[in-house]
Amino acid sequence: MEYIFGKNTVAFFINQHEVHEVFVMQNFDDKKILKQIQNNKIKLTIKDKKFFDSNFHNANHQGICAVINSYKYSSLEEIIDYANQKEFPLIVVLDGIEDPQNLGAIIRTCEAFSVDGIIIPKHNACKINATVAKVSTGALGNVKIAEVTNLTQTLKELKKHNFWIYEAEANNSQEYSFFDYKDKTVLVVGSEGYGISRLVKEQADYNIKISMTGKVNSLNVSVATAIIVSYISLKHNM
């Protein structure tokens, strides 16, 4: 069991029939969500501000949270089988993303551009939690996400299924727009502080980068992922 919070997130999981109990502050007055709770016969409990502040600290909980089952990850096999139904599938692999805000934003981007699956490592990375669910604003339930113990072996398995590995790496790289991505594509992006790990880098077929003309020399990982994913999606659909 775990908490989720925020109006849009709670409303989404109510629609998915995943909510066991909802907690609201005394002054919560969103009639639409209250009606959802009533129609789905979900237990509703009123809590004070101290309860929300102690559980969610400075997060924008909007006076509502809910208890749901722990997130159910897809298997790698499920993602591969689903992706193989497409002519040009796209899978995003996240190597050590630690910030839940970034993970939630990436999930939202992947849903927006119909990415066929996201793969994250089981260790040394952010897991799906309440903050991720909130930031993804409902996208979480529409994207397949697998959690794996070894990213290197996972990429080798994807290669067996004829996927080409594109890694977002600043050094020894070509501009991301140089490629047409008319193939089965895996995009690998690295962690906020350390980038892509050495063993994962060794699996790359191509290294790609985003060239910048301003004074900053790097982008937030979620922003960089959004730029590249949107471009690949455009190329896949041309």
Protein backbone atom coordinates (compact mmCIF):
# COMPACT_ATOMS: atom_id res chain seq x y z
CA MET A 1 0.00 0.00 0.00
CA GLU A 2 1.16 3.57 -0.64
CA TYR A 3 -0.12 7.15 -0.73
CA ILE A 4 -0.83 9.26 -3.76
CA PHE A 5 -1.88 12.90 -3.57
CA GLY A 6 -3.30 15.76 -5.61
CA LYS A 7 -6.70 16.14 -7.26
CA ASN A 8 -5.85 14.92 -10.77
CA THR A 9 -3.81 11.97 -9.55
CA VAL A 10 -6.43 10.77 -7.06
CA ALA A 11 -9.22 11.21 -9.62
CA PHE A 12 -7.27 9.17 -12.17
CA PHE A 13 -6.69 6.26 -9.80
CA ILE A 14 -10.34 6.32 -8.70
CA ASN A 15 -11.27 5.83 -12.36
CA GLN A 16 -8.83 2.91 -12.50
CA HIS A 17 -10.53 1.34 -9.45
CA GLU A 18 -7.22 1.29 -7.56
CA VAL A 19 -8.17 3.42 -4.54
CA HIS A 20 -8.90 1.87 -1.13
CA GLU A 21 -9.45 4.99 0.97
CA VAL A 22 -9.40 8.75 0.44
CA PHE A 23 -8.36 11.40 2.97
CA VAL A 24 -9.37 15.05 2.59
CA MET A 25 -8.88 18.21 4.63
CA GLN A 26 -11.88 19.78 6.37
CA ASN A 27 -12.29 22.51 3.76
CA PHE A 28 -11.96 20.26 0.67
CA ASP A 29 -14.85 21.22 -1.63
CA ASP A 30 -14.22 19.71 -5.08
CA LYS A 31 -17.72 18.41 -5.73
CA LYS A 32 -16.71 16.39 -8.80
CA ILE A 33 -14.12 14.33 -6.93
CA LEU A 34 -16.36 13.95 -3.88
CA LYS A 35 -19.04 12.58 -6.21
CA GLN A 36 -16.51 10.15 -7.71
CA ILE A 37 -15.64 8.90 -4.24
CA GLN A 38 -19.30 8.43 -3.37
CA ASN A 39 -20.19 6.69 -6.65
CA ASN A 40 -17.31 4.23 -6.23
CA LYS A 41 -18.23 3.59 -2.58
CA ILE A 42 -14.74 4.45 -1.35
CA LYS A 43 -14.17 5.13 2.31
CA LEU A 44 -13.69 8.87 2.92
CA THR A 45 -11.92 10.22 6.00
CA ILE A 46 -11.44 13.86 7.00
CA LYS A 47 -7.98 14.77 8.30
CA ASP A 48 -6.47 17.98 9.61
CA LYS A 49 -3.67 20.01 8.03
CA LYS A 50 -1.10 18.46 10.36
CA PHE A 51 -1.75 15.00 8.85
CA PHE A 52 -1.10 16.27 5.31
CA ASP A 53 1.93 18.34 6.25
CA SER A 54 3.54 15.45 8.14
CA ASN A 55 3.01 12.97 5.29
CA PHE A 56 3.67 15.19 2.28
CA HIS A 57 5.79 18.01 3.71
CA ASN A 58 5.96 20.84 1.15
CA ALA A 59 4.29 18.92 -1.67
CA ASN A 60 1.23 20.45 -3.36
CA HIS A 61 -1.26 17.87 -2.05
CA GLN A 62 -4.30 20.16 -2.67
CA GLY A 63 -5.95 18.81 0.47
CA ILE A 64 -6.51 15.28 -0.81
CA CYS A 65 -4.64 11.98 -0.79
CA ALA A 66 -5.52 8.32 -1.21
CA VAL A 67 -4.27 4.86 -0.37
CA ILE A 68 -3.64 2.56 -3.34
CA ASN A 69 -1.92 -0.75 -3.99
CA SER A 70 1.81 -0.50 -4.64
CA TYR A 71 2.53 0.21 -8.29
CA LYS A 72 2.41 -2.88 -10.50
CA TYR A 73 5.38 -2.93 -12.86
CA SER A 74 5.20 -4.61 -16.25
CA SER A 75 7.72 -7.30 -17.11
CA LEU A 76 10.43 -6.75 -19.71
CA GLU A 77 8.80 -9.48 -21.79
CA GLU A 78 5.46 -7.64 -21.75
CA ILE A 79 7.09 -4.46 -23.00
CA ILE A 80 8.99 -6.27 -25.77
CA ASP A 81 5.87 -8.15 -26.89
CA TYR A 82 3.83 -4.93 -26.91
CA ALA A 83 6.53 -2.98 -28.75
CA ASN A 84 6.97 -5.70 -31.37
CA GLN A 85 3.41 -5.06 -32.52
CA LYS A 86 4.52 -1.67 -33.88
CA GLU A 87 6.43 -0.99 -37.08
CA PHE A 88 8.81 1.44 -35.37
CA PRO A 89 8.53 0.94 -31.61
CA LEU A 90 10.25 3.21 -29.10
CA ILE A 91 11.40 2.15 -25.64
CA VAL A 92 13.02 4.57 -23.17
CA VAL A 93 15.64 3.27 -20.72
CA LEU A 94 16.47 5.41 -17.67
CA ASP A 95 19.88 4.76 -16.14
CA GLY A 96 19.76 5.91 -12.53
CA ILE A 97 17.24 8.77 -12.52
CA GLU A 98 17.05 9.75 -8.85
CA ASP A 99 14.74 12.78 -8.76
CA PRO A 100 11.03 11.85 -8.62
CA GLN A 101 10.14 15.15 -10.28
CA ASN A 102 12.29 14.22 -13.29
CA LEU A 103 10.94 10.68 -13.41
CA GLY A 104 7.34 11.90 -13.28
CA ALA A 105 7.99 14.45 -16.03
CA ILE A 106 9.65 11.81 -18.25
CA ILE A 107 6.70 9.45 -17.76
CA ARG A 108 4.35 12.25 -18.77
CA THR A 109 6.40 12.93 -21.92
CA CYS A 110 6.49 9.23 -22.82
CA GLU A 111 2.72 8.95 -22.51
CA ALA A 112 2.21 12.09 -24.59
CA PHE A 113 4.28 10.65 -27.46
CA SER A 114 3.04 7.05 -27.20
CA VAL A 115 6.32 5.51 -26.07
CA ASP A 116 5.86 1.74 -25.92
CA GLY A 117 7.61 1.20 -22.60
CA ILE A 118 9.95 2.63 -19.98
CA ILE A 119 12.65 0.56 -18.28
CA ILE A 120 14.22 1.57 -14.96
CA PRO A 121 16.80 -0.17 -12.75
CA LYS A 122 15.72 -1.79 -9.50
CA HIS A 123 18.63 -0.32 -7.55
CA ASN A 124 20.16 3.16 -7.20
CA ALA A 125 17.25 4.92 -8.88
CA CYS A 126 13.92 6.50 -8.03
CA LYS A 127 10.99 4.12 -7.78
CA ILE A 128 7.37 4.87 -8.61
CA ASN A 129 6.04 6.78 -5.61
CA ALA A 130 3.48 9.42 -4.68
CA THR A 131 5.54 12.32 -6.04
CA VAL A 132 6.12 10.55 -9.36
CA ALA A 133 2.40 9.82 -9.65
CA LYS A 134 1.56 13.46 -8.92
CA VAL A 135 4.04 14.91 -11.42
CA SER A 136 2.99 12.49 -14.17
CA THR A 137 -0.59 13.83 -13.78
CA GLY A 138 -2.40 10.62 -14.70
CA ALA A 139 0.07 9.42 -17.35
CA LEU A 140 1.40 6.72 -15.03
CA GLY A 141 -1.49 4.38 -15.71
CA ASN A 142 -1.09 4.63 -19.48
CA VAL A 143 2.59 3.72 -19.88
CA LYS A 144 4.16 0.32 -19.35
CA ILE A 145 7.10 0.50 -16.93
CA ALA A 146 9.46 -2.38 -16.17
CA GLU A 147 11.91 -2.57 -13.29
CA VAL A 148 15.00 -4.68 -14.04
CA THR A 149 18.01 -5.79 -12.01
CA ASN A 150 20.61 -5.36 -14.77
CA LEU A 151 20.36 -2.69 -17.48
CA THR A 152 23.31 -4.07 -19.43
CA GLN A 153 21.71 -7.51 -19.78
CA THR A 154 18.39 -5.85 -20.58
CA LEU A 155 19.92 -3.94 -23.48
CA LYS A 156 21.55 -7.13 -24.76
CA GLU A 157 18.13 -8.78 -24.68
CA LEU A 158 16.59 -5.88 -26.60
CA LYS A 159 19.33 -6.21 -29.22
CA LYS A 160 18.31 -9.85 -29.71
CA HIS A 161 14.91 -8.48 -30.70
CA ASN A 162 16.54 -6.19 -33.29
CA PHE A 163 16.35 -2.96 -31.32
CA TRP A 164 18.99 -0.30 -31.98
CA ILE A 165 20.40 1.45 -28.94
CA TYR A 166 20.71 5.26 -29.03
CA GLU A 167 22.35 6.72 -25.94
CA ALA A 168 22.14 10.40 -25.04
CA GLU A 169 25.80 11.08 -24.38
CA ALA A 170 27.63 14.40 -24.79
CA ASN A 171 31.04 12.98 -25.71
CA ASN A 172 31.89 11.46 -29.11
CA SER A 173 28.30 11.95 -30.23
CA GLN A 174 26.36 13.02 -33.30
CA GLU A 175 23.49 15.49 -33.30
CA TYR A 176 20.22 13.69 -32.43
CA SER A 177 18.51 15.11 -35.55
CA PHE A 178 21.12 13.47 -37.81
CA PHE A 179 19.24 10.13 -37.61
CA ASP A 180 15.86 9.21 -39.09
CA TYR A 181 15.13 6.46 -36.47
CA LYS A 182 13.42 4.24 -39.02
CA ASP A 183 14.08 1.19 -36.89
CA LYS A 184 13.17 -0.38 -33.55
CA THR A 185 14.52 2.24 -31.21
CA VAL A 186 15.76 2.27 -27.61
CA LEU A 187 16.67 5.67 -26.16
CA VAL A 188 18.92 5.55 -23.09
CA VAL A 189 19.30 8.60 -20.86
CA GLY A 190 21.49 8.84 -17.78
CA SER A 191 21.21 10.14 -14.25
CA GLU A 192 21.17 13.80 -13.30
CA GLY A 193 24.65 13.79 -11.80
CA TYR A 194 26.58 10.91 -13.34
CA GLY A 195 25.12 10.32 -16.77
CA ILE A 196 25.13 6.84 -18.27
CA SER A 197 27.17 4.16 -16.52
CA ARG A 198 30.20 2.66 -18.30
CA LEU A 199 28.79 -0.85 -18.85
CA VAL A 200 25.56 0.55 -20.22
CA LYS A 201 27.49 2.88 -22.55
CA GLU A 202 29.22 -0.13 -24.06
CA GLN A 203 25.88 -1.36 -25.44
CA ALA A 204 25.30 1.76 -27.55
CA ASP A 205 24.96 1.50 -31.30
CA TYR A 206 24.90 5.29 -31.55
CA ASN A 207 25.69 8.20 -29.23
CA ILE A 208 23.48 11.25 -29.72
CA LYS A 209 23.51 14.75 -28.29
CA ILE A 210 21.57 18.01 -28.30
CA SER A 211 23.75 20.89 -29.45
CA MET A 212 23.03 24.19 -27.71
CA THR A 213 23.80 27.72 -28.84
CA GLY A 214 23.17 29.56 -25.57
CA LYS A 215 25.45 30.08 -22.59
CA VAL A 216 24.30 27.02 -20.63
CA ASN A 217 25.99 23.76 -21.55
CA SER A 218 23.41 21.25 -20.36
CA LEU A 219 19.68 20.64 -19.99
CA ASN A 220 17.59 19.07 -17.25
CA VAL A 221 17.31 15.35 -18.03
CA SER A 222 13.53 15.48 -18.34
CA VAL A 223 13.73 18.39 -20.79
CA ALA A 224 16.42 16.68 -22.87
CA THR A 225 14.40 13.47 -22.94
CA ALA A 226 11.29 15.35 -24.07
CA ILE A 227 13.17 16.98 -26.97
CA ILE A 228 14.61 13.71 -28.25
CA VAL A 229 11.48 11.59 -27.68
CA SER A 230 9.30 14.10 -29.50
CA TYR A 231 11.71 14.10 -32.45
CA ILE A 232 11.90 10.30 -32.63
CA SER A 233 8.12 10.06 -32.42
CA LEU A 234 7.80 12.56 -35.28
CA LYS A 235 10.23 10.55 -37.42
CA HIS A 236 8.46 7.26 -36.61
CA ASN A 237 5.15 8.72 -37.74
CA MET A 238 6.33 10.38 -40.96
